[in-house]
N, C-alpha and C. Protein backbone atom coordinates (compact mmCIF):
# COMPACT_ATOMS: atom_id res chain seq x y z
N MET A 1 -28.40 -9.56 -67.76
CA MET A 1 -27.33 -10.05 -66.90
C MET A 1 -26.49 -8.86 -66.48
N GLY A 2 -26.04 -8.87 -65.23
CA GLY A 2 -25.28 -7.75 -64.71
C GLY A 2 -26.16 -6.63 -64.22
N GLN A 3 -27.44 -6.76 -64.35
CA GLN A 3 -28.35 -5.73 -63.86
C GLN A 3 -29.06 -6.24 -62.61
N GLN A 4 -29.49 -5.31 -61.84
CA GLN A 4 -30.17 -5.68 -60.60
C GLN A 4 -31.48 -4.90 -60.53
N THR A 5 -32.53 -5.60 -60.17
CA THR A 5 -33.83 -4.94 -60.05
C THR A 5 -33.85 -4.13 -58.77
N TRP A 6 -34.82 -3.24 -58.66
CA TRP A 6 -34.98 -2.44 -57.44
C TRP A 6 -35.24 -3.35 -56.25
N LYS A 7 -36.01 -4.39 -56.50
CA LYS A 7 -36.33 -5.33 -55.42
C LYS A 7 -35.06 -6.06 -54.96
N GLY A 8 -34.24 -6.49 -55.91
CA GLY A 8 -32.98 -7.17 -55.58
C GLY A 8 -32.02 -6.24 -54.85
N ALA A 9 -31.98 -4.98 -55.32
CA ALA A 9 -31.10 -4.00 -54.68
C ALA A 9 -31.53 -3.76 -53.23
N ALA A 10 -32.84 -3.69 -53.03
CA ALA A 10 -33.36 -3.46 -51.68
C ALA A 10 -32.99 -4.64 -50.77
N ARG A 11 -33.11 -5.87 -51.35
CA ARG A 11 -32.75 -7.06 -50.58
C ARG A 11 -31.26 -7.04 -50.21
N GLU A 12 -30.40 -6.66 -51.16
CA GLU A 12 -28.95 -6.60 -50.93
C GLU A 12 -28.62 -5.56 -49.86
N VAL A 13 -29.29 -4.43 -49.92
CA VAL A 13 -29.07 -3.38 -48.91
C VAL A 13 -29.45 -3.91 -47.52
N GLY A 14 -30.56 -4.65 -47.47
CA GLY A 14 -31.02 -5.23 -46.20
C GLY A 14 -30.01 -6.20 -45.63
N ARG A 15 -29.47 -7.08 -46.53
CA ARG A 15 -28.46 -8.04 -46.08
C ARG A 15 -27.20 -7.32 -45.58
N SER A 16 -26.81 -6.30 -46.32
CA SER A 16 -25.61 -5.53 -45.95
C SER A 16 -25.81 -4.87 -44.58
N ALA A 17 -26.99 -4.30 -44.36
CA ALA A 17 -27.28 -3.65 -43.07
C ALA A 17 -27.24 -4.67 -41.94
N LEU A 18 -27.78 -5.88 -42.21
CA LEU A 18 -27.77 -6.93 -41.19
C LEU A 18 -26.34 -7.35 -40.85
N ARG A 19 -25.49 -7.52 -41.91
CA ARG A 19 -24.08 -7.86 -41.67
C ARG A 19 -23.40 -6.76 -40.85
N HIS A 20 -23.70 -5.51 -41.17
CA HIS A 20 -23.13 -4.37 -40.46
C HIS A 20 -23.55 -4.39 -38.99
N LYS A 21 -24.83 -4.70 -38.74
CA LYS A 21 -25.32 -4.75 -37.36
C LYS A 21 -24.62 -5.85 -36.58
N VAL A 22 -24.43 -7.01 -37.20
CA VAL A 22 -23.76 -8.13 -36.53
C VAL A 22 -22.32 -7.76 -36.21
N LEU A 23 -21.63 -7.17 -37.20
CA LEU A 23 -20.25 -6.76 -37.00
C LEU A 23 -20.15 -5.70 -35.90
N THR A 24 -21.07 -4.74 -35.90
CA THR A 24 -21.08 -3.70 -34.87
C THR A 24 -21.32 -4.31 -33.50
N ALA A 25 -22.22 -5.28 -33.43
CA ALA A 25 -22.51 -5.94 -32.15
C ALA A 25 -21.28 -6.69 -31.63
N ILE A 26 -20.56 -7.37 -32.53
CA ILE A 26 -19.34 -8.10 -32.13
C ILE A 26 -18.30 -7.13 -31.59
N ILE A 27 -18.10 -6.02 -32.29
CA ILE A 27 -17.13 -5.00 -31.85
C ILE A 27 -17.54 -4.45 -30.49
N ALA A 28 -18.84 -4.17 -30.32
CA ALA A 28 -19.32 -3.63 -29.05
C ALA A 28 -19.07 -4.60 -27.91
N VAL A 29 -19.29 -5.90 -28.16
CA VAL A 29 -19.06 -6.91 -27.12
C VAL A 29 -17.57 -6.96 -26.76
N CYS A 30 -16.70 -6.88 -27.76
CA CYS A 30 -15.25 -6.89 -27.50
C CYS A 30 -14.83 -5.68 -26.68
N VAL A 31 -15.33 -4.51 -27.05
CA VAL A 31 -14.99 -3.28 -26.32
C VAL A 31 -15.49 -3.37 -24.88
N ALA A 32 -16.74 -3.84 -24.71
CA ALA A 32 -17.30 -3.97 -23.37
C ALA A 32 -16.47 -4.94 -22.53
N GLY A 33 -16.07 -6.07 -23.14
CA GLY A 33 -15.25 -7.05 -22.43
C GLY A 33 -13.92 -6.45 -21.99
N SER A 34 -13.31 -5.67 -22.87
CA SER A 34 -12.04 -5.03 -22.53
C SER A 34 -12.21 -4.06 -21.37
N LEU A 35 -13.29 -3.26 -21.42
CA LEU A 35 -13.54 -2.30 -20.34
C LEU A 35 -13.79 -3.00 -19.01
N ILE A 36 -14.52 -4.12 -19.05
CA ILE A 36 -14.76 -4.88 -17.83
C ILE A 36 -13.45 -5.42 -17.27
N ALA A 37 -12.60 -5.96 -18.16
CA ALA A 37 -11.30 -6.49 -17.72
C ALA A 37 -10.46 -5.39 -17.08
N ILE A 38 -10.44 -4.21 -17.71
CA ILE A 38 -9.68 -3.09 -17.16
C ILE A 38 -10.25 -2.71 -15.80
N GLY A 39 -11.57 -2.72 -15.69
CA GLY A 39 -12.22 -2.38 -14.42
C GLY A 39 -11.88 -3.35 -13.32
N VAL A 40 -11.83 -4.64 -13.66
CA VAL A 40 -11.51 -5.67 -12.66
C VAL A 40 -10.07 -5.50 -12.18
N VAL A 41 -9.14 -5.27 -13.12
CA VAL A 41 -7.74 -5.07 -12.75
C VAL A 41 -7.61 -3.81 -11.90
N GLY A 42 -8.26 -2.74 -12.33
CA GLY A 42 -8.22 -1.49 -11.57
C GLY A 42 -8.80 -1.65 -10.19
N SER A 43 -9.89 -2.42 -10.09
CA SER A 43 -10.53 -2.66 -8.80
C SER A 43 -9.60 -3.43 -7.87
N ALA A 44 -8.92 -4.44 -8.43
CA ALA A 44 -7.98 -5.22 -7.61
C ALA A 44 -6.85 -4.34 -7.12
N SER A 45 -6.34 -3.46 -8.00
CA SER A 45 -5.28 -2.55 -7.59
C SER A 45 -5.78 -1.61 -6.52
N GLY A 46 -7.01 -1.13 -6.70
CA GLY A 46 -7.59 -0.21 -5.73
C GLY A 46 -7.74 -0.86 -4.37
N GLN A 47 -8.10 -2.15 -4.34
CA GLN A 47 -8.26 -2.84 -3.07
C GLN A 47 -6.92 -2.92 -2.37
N ALA A 48 -5.87 -3.22 -3.13
CA ALA A 48 -4.55 -3.29 -2.51
C ALA A 48 -4.18 -1.92 -1.96
N ALA A 49 -4.43 -0.88 -2.74
CA ALA A 49 -4.06 0.46 -2.32
C ALA A 49 -4.91 0.93 -1.15
N SER A 50 -6.11 0.40 -1.00
CA SER A 50 -6.99 0.90 0.04
C SER A 50 -6.76 0.23 1.39
N GLY A 51 -5.87 -0.74 1.46
CA GLY A 51 -5.56 -1.14 2.80
C GLY A 51 -5.29 -2.58 3.08
N HIS A 52 -5.60 -3.50 2.21
CA HIS A 52 -5.47 -4.88 2.62
C HIS A 52 -4.06 -5.41 2.39
N GLY A 53 -3.27 -4.71 1.60
CA GLY A 53 -1.87 -5.05 1.49
C GLY A 53 -1.58 -6.05 0.40
N ALA A 54 -0.33 -6.15 0.09
CA ALA A 54 0.09 -7.07 -0.94
C ALA A 54 1.50 -7.54 -0.63
N GLN A 55 1.70 -8.81 -0.77
CA GLN A 55 3.04 -9.36 -0.57
C GLN A 55 3.83 -9.16 -1.85
N PRO A 56 5.02 -8.54 -1.77
CA PRO A 56 5.82 -8.38 -2.98
C PRO A 56 6.10 -9.74 -3.64
N ALA A 57 6.22 -9.76 -4.96
CA ALA A 57 6.48 -10.99 -5.69
C ALA A 57 7.76 -11.66 -5.19
N ALA A 58 8.78 -10.87 -4.95
CA ALA A 58 10.03 -11.37 -4.39
C ALA A 58 10.53 -10.33 -3.41
N PRO A 59 11.13 -10.78 -2.29
CA PRO A 59 11.62 -9.80 -1.32
C PRO A 59 12.61 -8.83 -1.95
N VAL A 60 12.48 -7.56 -1.61
CA VAL A 60 13.41 -6.54 -2.10
C VAL A 60 14.06 -5.86 -0.90
N ALA A 61 15.26 -5.39 -1.08
CA ALA A 61 16.00 -4.76 0.01
C ALA A 61 15.31 -3.47 0.44
N ALA A 62 15.16 -3.31 1.74
CA ALA A 62 14.56 -2.10 2.28
C ALA A 62 15.59 -0.97 2.25
N PRO A 63 15.20 0.23 1.79
CA PRO A 63 16.15 1.35 1.81
C PRO A 63 16.58 1.67 3.25
N ALA A 64 17.86 1.94 3.42
CA ALA A 64 18.38 2.31 4.74
C ALA A 64 17.84 3.69 5.12
N PHE A 65 17.73 3.92 6.43
CA PHE A 65 17.32 5.25 6.89
C PHE A 65 17.93 5.52 8.25
N SER A 66 18.06 6.79 8.56
CA SER A 66 18.49 7.25 9.87
C SER A 66 17.86 8.62 10.08
N LEU A 67 16.99 8.72 11.09
CA LEU A 67 16.23 9.94 11.34
C LEU A 67 16.35 10.34 12.81
N PRO A 68 16.13 11.63 13.11
CA PRO A 68 16.12 12.05 14.51
C PRO A 68 15.03 11.32 15.29
N LEU A 69 15.36 10.89 16.49
CA LEU A 69 14.39 10.22 17.35
C LEU A 69 13.43 11.25 17.92
N LEU A 70 12.16 11.08 17.65
CA LEU A 70 11.13 12.03 18.08
C LEU A 70 11.09 12.13 19.60
N GLY A 71 11.05 13.36 20.09
CA GLY A 71 10.95 13.58 21.53
C GLY A 71 12.29 13.62 22.25
N HIS A 72 13.38 13.49 21.51
CA HIS A 72 14.71 13.53 22.11
C HIS A 72 15.55 14.57 21.40
N GLU A 73 16.15 15.46 22.15
CA GLU A 73 16.95 16.53 21.55
C GLU A 73 18.44 16.25 21.65
N SER A 74 18.79 15.03 22.02
CA SER A 74 20.20 14.72 22.26
C SER A 74 20.92 14.19 21.03
N GLY A 75 20.29 14.27 19.87
CA GLY A 75 20.93 13.79 18.65
C GLY A 75 20.75 12.30 18.42
N GLN A 76 19.91 11.65 19.23
CA GLN A 76 19.65 10.22 19.03
C GLN A 76 18.93 10.01 17.69
N GLN A 77 19.18 8.84 17.11
CA GLN A 77 18.63 8.53 15.79
C GLN A 77 17.82 7.23 15.83
N VAL A 78 16.87 7.14 14.92
CA VAL A 78 16.18 5.89 14.62
C VAL A 78 16.75 5.43 13.29
N ALA A 79 17.45 4.30 13.30
CA ALA A 79 18.14 3.85 12.09
C ALA A 79 17.83 2.38 11.82
N LEU A 80 17.71 2.06 10.56
CA LEU A 80 17.48 0.67 10.17
C LEU A 80 18.62 -0.22 10.65
N SER A 81 19.83 0.29 10.58
CA SER A 81 21.00 -0.52 10.94
C SER A 81 20.98 -0.97 12.40
N THR A 82 20.27 -0.25 13.26
CA THR A 82 20.15 -0.63 14.67
C THR A 82 19.53 -2.01 14.84
N TYR A 83 18.71 -2.40 13.87
CA TYR A 83 17.95 -3.65 13.96
C TYR A 83 18.56 -4.75 13.10
N ARG A 84 19.83 -4.62 12.79
CA ARG A 84 20.51 -5.60 11.94
C ARG A 84 20.31 -7.02 12.49
N GLY A 85 19.91 -7.93 11.60
CA GLY A 85 19.71 -9.32 11.99
C GLY A 85 18.37 -9.61 12.63
N ARG A 86 17.50 -8.58 12.75
CA ARG A 86 16.18 -8.78 13.37
C ARG A 86 15.08 -8.40 12.39
N PRO A 87 13.99 -9.16 12.37
CA PRO A 87 12.83 -8.73 11.60
C PRO A 87 12.31 -7.41 12.18
N LEU A 88 11.68 -6.61 11.34
CA LEU A 88 11.26 -5.27 11.78
C LEU A 88 9.98 -4.85 11.07
N ILE A 89 9.10 -4.20 11.84
CA ILE A 89 7.91 -3.56 11.27
C ILE A 89 8.22 -2.07 11.17
N VAL A 90 8.00 -1.49 10.01
CA VAL A 90 8.20 -0.05 9.80
C VAL A 90 6.85 0.56 9.41
N ASN A 91 6.36 1.46 10.27
CA ASN A 91 5.05 2.08 10.05
C ASN A 91 5.21 3.55 9.72
N PHE A 92 4.70 3.96 8.56
CA PHE A 92 4.71 5.36 8.13
C PHE A 92 3.38 5.99 8.51
N PHE A 93 3.42 7.13 9.20
CA PHE A 93 2.19 7.77 9.67
C PHE A 93 2.41 9.27 9.84
N ALA A 94 1.36 9.97 10.26
CA ALA A 94 1.45 11.40 10.60
C ALA A 94 0.28 11.74 11.51
N SER A 95 0.45 12.78 12.31
CA SER A 95 -0.60 13.18 13.24
C SER A 95 -1.85 13.68 12.52
N TRP A 96 -1.68 14.24 11.32
CA TRP A 96 -2.80 14.82 10.57
C TRP A 96 -3.58 13.77 9.77
N CYS A 97 -3.09 12.55 9.73
CA CYS A 97 -3.69 11.47 8.92
C CYS A 97 -4.81 10.81 9.73
N GLU A 98 -6.05 10.89 9.24
CA GLU A 98 -7.19 10.35 9.99
C GLU A 98 -7.09 8.85 10.27
N PRO A 99 -6.79 8.00 9.26
CA PRO A 99 -6.66 6.56 9.58
C PRO A 99 -5.55 6.28 10.60
N CYS A 100 -4.51 7.13 10.58
CA CYS A 100 -3.40 6.95 11.54
C CYS A 100 -3.88 7.19 12.97
N GLN A 101 -4.88 8.05 13.13
CA GLN A 101 -5.39 8.36 14.46
C GLN A 101 -6.09 7.16 15.09
N THR A 102 -6.55 6.24 14.27
CA THR A 102 -7.12 4.98 14.77
C THR A 102 -6.05 3.90 14.85
N GLU A 103 -5.16 3.91 13.88
CA GLU A 103 -4.14 2.85 13.79
C GLU A 103 -3.07 2.97 14.87
N THR A 104 -2.61 4.17 15.16
CA THR A 104 -1.48 4.35 16.09
C THR A 104 -1.77 3.80 17.49
N PRO A 105 -2.95 4.05 18.08
CA PRO A 105 -3.22 3.41 19.39
C PRO A 105 -3.19 1.88 19.32
N LEU A 106 -3.66 1.31 18.20
CA LEU A 106 -3.61 -0.14 18.03
C LEU A 106 -2.16 -0.62 18.02
N LEU A 107 -1.30 0.07 17.27
CA LEU A 107 0.12 -0.30 17.20
C LEU A 107 0.78 -0.16 18.58
N ALA A 108 0.44 0.91 19.29
CA ALA A 108 1.03 1.14 20.61
C ALA A 108 0.65 0.02 21.57
N LYS A 109 -0.61 -0.37 21.54
CA LYS A 109 -1.09 -1.46 22.41
C LYS A 109 -0.45 -2.79 22.01
N PHE A 110 -0.37 -3.04 20.71
CA PHE A 110 0.24 -4.26 20.20
C PHE A 110 1.71 -4.35 20.64
N TYR A 111 2.44 -3.25 20.49
CA TYR A 111 3.86 -3.24 20.84
C TYR A 111 4.05 -3.53 22.33
N ARG A 112 3.24 -2.91 23.17
CA ARG A 112 3.34 -3.16 24.62
C ARG A 112 3.05 -4.62 24.94
N SER A 113 2.09 -5.21 24.23
CA SER A 113 1.71 -6.61 24.51
C SER A 113 2.83 -7.58 24.11
N GLN A 114 3.67 -7.17 23.18
CA GLN A 114 4.75 -8.06 22.70
C GLN A 114 5.96 -8.08 23.63
N LYS A 115 6.06 -7.07 24.49
CA LYS A 115 7.14 -7.00 25.49
C LYS A 115 8.53 -7.21 24.88
N GLY A 116 8.78 -6.56 23.77
CA GLY A 116 10.09 -6.61 23.14
C GLY A 116 10.31 -7.75 22.18
N ALA A 117 9.34 -8.64 22.03
CA ALA A 117 9.51 -9.78 21.12
C ALA A 117 9.44 -9.35 19.65
N VAL A 118 8.81 -8.21 19.39
CA VAL A 118 8.67 -7.71 18.01
C VAL A 118 9.28 -6.32 17.94
N ALA A 119 10.14 -6.12 16.95
CA ALA A 119 10.73 -4.79 16.74
C ALA A 119 9.82 -3.98 15.83
N LEU A 120 9.53 -2.75 16.26
CA LEU A 120 8.63 -1.87 15.52
C LEU A 120 9.16 -0.45 15.61
N VAL A 121 9.20 0.24 14.47
CA VAL A 121 9.52 1.66 14.48
C VAL A 121 8.44 2.40 13.70
N GLY A 122 8.15 3.59 14.18
CA GLY A 122 7.25 4.48 13.45
C GLY A 122 8.05 5.58 12.80
N LEU A 123 7.63 5.99 11.63
CA LEU A 123 8.28 7.11 10.95
C LEU A 123 7.21 8.16 10.69
N ASP A 124 7.30 9.27 11.42
CA ASP A 124 6.32 10.35 11.31
C ASP A 124 6.70 11.23 10.13
N GLU A 125 5.78 11.32 9.17
CA GLU A 125 6.08 11.95 7.88
C GLU A 125 5.38 13.29 7.71
N ASN A 126 6.12 14.26 7.14
CA ASN A 126 5.52 15.52 6.69
C ASN A 126 4.66 16.15 7.78
N ASP A 127 5.23 16.27 8.98
CA ASP A 127 4.50 16.72 10.15
C ASP A 127 5.29 17.82 10.85
N THR A 128 4.63 18.51 11.77
CA THR A 128 5.37 19.46 12.60
C THR A 128 5.84 18.73 13.85
N LEU A 129 6.93 19.18 14.40
CA LEU A 129 7.51 18.51 15.56
C LEU A 129 6.54 18.51 16.74
N GLY A 130 5.89 19.64 16.99
CA GLY A 130 4.95 19.74 18.11
C GLY A 130 3.77 18.80 17.97
N HIS A 131 3.16 18.77 16.78
CA HIS A 131 2.01 17.89 16.56
C HIS A 131 2.43 16.42 16.65
N ALA A 132 3.57 16.10 16.05
CA ALA A 132 4.04 14.71 16.06
C ALA A 132 4.29 14.24 17.50
N THR A 133 4.93 15.09 18.30
CA THR A 133 5.25 14.72 19.68
C THR A 133 4.00 14.55 20.52
N SER A 134 3.08 15.51 20.45
CA SER A 134 1.87 15.41 21.27
C SER A 134 0.99 14.24 20.83
N PHE A 135 0.96 13.97 19.53
CA PHE A 135 0.16 12.86 19.00
C PHE A 135 0.66 11.52 19.54
N THR A 136 1.97 11.28 19.46
CA THR A 136 2.50 9.99 19.91
C THR A 136 2.40 9.84 21.43
N ARG A 137 2.57 10.93 22.16
CA ARG A 137 2.42 10.87 23.62
C ARG A 137 0.99 10.54 24.00
N ALA A 138 0.05 11.19 23.35
CA ALA A 138 -1.38 10.98 23.67
C ALA A 138 -1.79 9.55 23.40
N ASP A 139 -1.19 8.92 22.40
CA ASP A 139 -1.56 7.55 22.05
C ASP A 139 -0.73 6.49 22.77
N GLY A 140 0.14 6.91 23.66
CA GLY A 140 0.91 5.96 24.46
C GLY A 140 1.95 5.19 23.66
N VAL A 141 2.53 5.83 22.65
CA VAL A 141 3.54 5.17 21.81
C VAL A 141 4.83 5.01 22.60
N SER A 142 5.29 3.76 22.75
CA SER A 142 6.55 3.51 23.45
C SER A 142 7.62 2.96 22.53
N TYR A 143 7.28 2.66 21.27
CA TYR A 143 8.28 2.22 20.31
C TYR A 143 8.98 3.46 19.72
N PRO A 144 10.19 3.29 19.20
CA PRO A 144 10.92 4.43 18.66
C PRO A 144 10.21 5.03 17.44
N VAL A 145 10.21 6.35 17.38
CA VAL A 145 9.60 7.06 16.26
C VAL A 145 10.63 8.02 15.67
N GLY A 146 10.84 7.88 14.37
CA GLY A 146 11.72 8.80 13.67
C GLY A 146 10.90 9.94 13.06
N TRP A 147 11.47 11.12 13.08
CA TRP A 147 10.78 12.30 12.56
C TRP A 147 11.33 12.64 11.17
N ASP A 148 10.45 12.61 10.18
CA ASP A 148 10.84 12.80 8.77
C ASP A 148 9.97 13.91 8.15
N PRO A 149 10.23 15.17 8.53
CA PRO A 149 9.34 16.25 8.10
C PRO A 149 9.32 16.49 6.59
N ASN A 150 10.36 16.06 5.89
CA ASN A 150 10.44 16.31 4.45
C ASN A 150 10.04 15.11 3.60
N PHE A 151 9.49 14.07 4.22
CA PHE A 151 8.99 12.90 3.50
C PHE A 151 10.11 12.14 2.78
N THR A 152 11.34 12.29 3.26
CA THR A 152 12.50 11.72 2.57
C THR A 152 12.49 10.19 2.57
N VAL A 153 12.30 9.60 3.73
CA VAL A 153 12.31 8.14 3.81
C VAL A 153 11.07 7.56 3.15
N ALA A 154 9.93 8.22 3.36
CA ALA A 154 8.70 7.75 2.71
C ALA A 154 8.87 7.69 1.20
N SER A 155 9.49 8.70 0.64
CA SER A 155 9.74 8.70 -0.81
C SER A 155 10.63 7.55 -1.23
N ALA A 156 11.65 7.27 -0.42
CA ALA A 156 12.57 6.17 -0.74
C ALA A 156 11.84 4.83 -0.73
N TYR A 157 10.81 4.70 0.10
CA TYR A 157 10.03 3.46 0.19
C TYR A 157 8.84 3.44 -0.78
N GLY A 158 8.67 4.51 -1.55
CA GLY A 158 7.56 4.56 -2.49
C GLY A 158 6.22 4.83 -1.84
N VAL A 159 6.23 5.44 -0.67
CA VAL A 159 5.00 5.76 0.06
C VAL A 159 4.45 7.09 -0.47
N ASN A 160 3.24 7.06 -1.00
CA ASN A 160 2.63 8.32 -1.47
C ASN A 160 1.31 8.60 -0.78
N ALA A 161 0.94 7.77 0.19
CA ALA A 161 -0.26 7.99 1.00
C ALA A 161 -0.05 7.31 2.34
N LEU A 162 -0.68 7.86 3.38
CA LEU A 162 -0.51 7.33 4.73
C LEU A 162 -1.83 6.78 5.26
N PRO A 163 -1.74 5.80 6.17
CA PRO A 163 -0.55 5.10 6.65
C PRO A 163 -0.15 3.96 5.72
N GLN A 164 1.07 3.51 5.88
CA GLN A 164 1.55 2.29 5.23
C GLN A 164 2.49 1.58 6.19
N THR A 165 2.46 0.27 6.15
CA THR A 165 3.27 -0.54 7.06
C THR A 165 4.05 -1.58 6.26
N PHE A 166 5.34 -1.66 6.54
CA PHE A 166 6.23 -2.61 5.87
C PHE A 166 6.72 -3.64 6.87
N PHE A 167 6.84 -4.88 6.41
CA PHE A 167 7.37 -5.96 7.23
C PHE A 167 8.68 -6.42 6.60
N LEU A 168 9.75 -6.33 7.38
CA LEU A 168 11.09 -6.68 6.92
C LEU A 168 11.55 -7.96 7.60
N ASN A 169 12.19 -8.83 6.84
CA ASN A 169 12.75 -10.03 7.45
C ASN A 169 14.09 -9.70 8.11
N SER A 170 14.77 -10.70 8.62
CA SER A 170 16.02 -10.45 9.35
C SER A 170 17.14 -9.94 8.45
N ARG A 171 16.99 -10.11 7.14
CA ARG A 171 17.97 -9.56 6.18
C ARG A 171 17.55 -8.18 5.69
N HIS A 172 16.51 -7.66 6.30
CA HIS A 172 15.93 -6.35 5.97
C HIS A 172 15.51 -6.26 4.51
N GLN A 173 14.83 -7.32 4.10
CA GLN A 173 14.14 -7.34 2.82
C GLN A 173 12.65 -7.16 3.10
N ILE A 174 11.97 -6.42 2.24
CA ILE A 174 10.53 -6.20 2.41
C ILE A 174 9.80 -7.46 1.95
N VAL A 175 9.09 -8.09 2.87
CA VAL A 175 8.37 -9.32 2.55
C VAL A 175 6.86 -9.14 2.57
N ASP A 176 6.40 -8.01 3.09
CA ASP A 176 4.96 -7.73 3.11
C ASP A 176 4.77 -6.23 3.28
N ARG A 177 3.60 -5.76 2.84
CA ARG A 177 3.31 -4.33 2.89
C ARG A 177 1.80 -4.14 3.01
N VAL A 178 1.39 -3.26 3.89
CA VAL A 178 -0.03 -2.95 4.05
C VAL A 178 -0.26 -1.50 3.64
N PHE A 179 -1.12 -1.31 2.67
CA PHE A 179 -1.53 0.03 2.24
C PHE A 179 -2.75 0.41 3.06
N GLY A 180 -2.69 1.51 3.78
CA GLY A 180 -3.82 1.92 4.61
C GLY A 180 -3.69 1.38 6.02
N GLN A 181 -4.78 1.52 6.75
CA GLN A 181 -4.79 1.18 8.17
C GLN A 181 -4.57 -0.31 8.41
N VAL A 182 -3.59 -0.63 9.24
CA VAL A 182 -3.28 -2.02 9.54
C VAL A 182 -4.23 -2.54 10.62
N THR A 183 -4.49 -3.83 10.58
CA THR A 183 -5.32 -4.48 11.59
C THR A 183 -4.45 -5.45 12.38
N LEU A 184 -4.98 -5.93 13.48
CA LEU A 184 -4.24 -6.91 14.28
C LEU A 184 -3.97 -8.17 13.47
N ALA A 185 -4.96 -8.60 12.69
CA ALA A 185 -4.80 -9.81 11.86
C ALA A 185 -3.67 -9.61 10.84
N ARG A 186 -3.61 -8.43 10.23
CA ARG A 186 -2.56 -8.16 9.23
C ARG A 186 -1.21 -8.01 9.90
N LEU A 187 -1.17 -7.49 11.12
CA LEU A 187 0.09 -7.43 11.85
C LEU A 187 0.63 -8.85 12.07
N ASN A 188 -0.22 -9.73 12.52
CA ASN A 188 0.21 -11.11 12.77
C ASN A 188 0.62 -11.81 11.48
N GLN A 189 -0.11 -11.55 10.40
CA GLN A 189 0.24 -12.15 9.10
C GLN A 189 1.59 -11.63 8.62
N GLY A 190 1.81 -10.33 8.74
CA GLY A 190 3.08 -9.73 8.32
C GLY A 190 4.25 -10.25 9.13
N ILE A 191 4.04 -10.37 10.44
CA ILE A 191 5.11 -10.90 11.31
C ILE A 191 5.44 -12.34 10.92
N ALA A 192 4.42 -13.13 10.62
CA ALA A 192 4.65 -14.52 10.21
C ALA A 192 5.51 -14.56 8.95
N ARG A 193 5.24 -13.67 8.00
CA ARG A 193 6.05 -13.63 6.77
C ARG A 193 7.46 -13.15 7.06
N ALA A 194 7.58 -12.18 7.96
CA ALA A 194 8.91 -11.62 8.27
C ALA A 194 9.79 -12.61 9.00
N THR A 195 9.18 -13.51 9.76
CA THR A 195 9.97 -14.46 10.55
C THR A 195 10.04 -15.85 9.92
N ALA A 196 9.37 -16.03 8.80
CA ALA A 196 9.39 -17.35 8.12
C ALA A 196 10.82 -17.69 7.71
N GLY A 197 11.20 -18.90 7.95
CA GLY A 197 12.53 -19.35 7.54
C GLY A 197 13.64 -18.88 8.46
N GLY A 198 13.26 -18.43 9.65
CA GLY A 198 14.27 -18.03 10.62
C GLY A 198 14.70 -16.63 10.40
């Protein structure tokens, strides 16, 4: 009693190894599940960041801004306060940004088609004055563009990549945001959110 034969010991070692394999398999499944969950969350975040946009959980106040009006040397400004009481689209872009080179003509055409019914401002970020001016002229931009060479306003809005478009309601709260190149469908969706509830 209290002794174990070689055969019994071998059997016990086998059982122990089997228990260890089962436990290892369970741990591996848990780790794999966690990695998949992290991947799904990361993928969803990446999709938002890559351009389709995300509506903020609750509207937040848009930071105020006042910038020199691009193409005018008379001290004119593009300021958020100018649009008090009106919904507003704020588009952050630059002449050197490849997606902006496709997006800006779309915005220019959209703005002309609205004939003043929609307020839109562009904010040219981290650009040279000459490039910014020639870029907006070439694309037929007729909406006001503020020049922000030091990325000051973009930083205040949390913009770390271009382009990005914000939709503000009449109280100048951010109700929608598009990361990356905006489409006509997303413009219409953003405007609907900005004008909802009057």
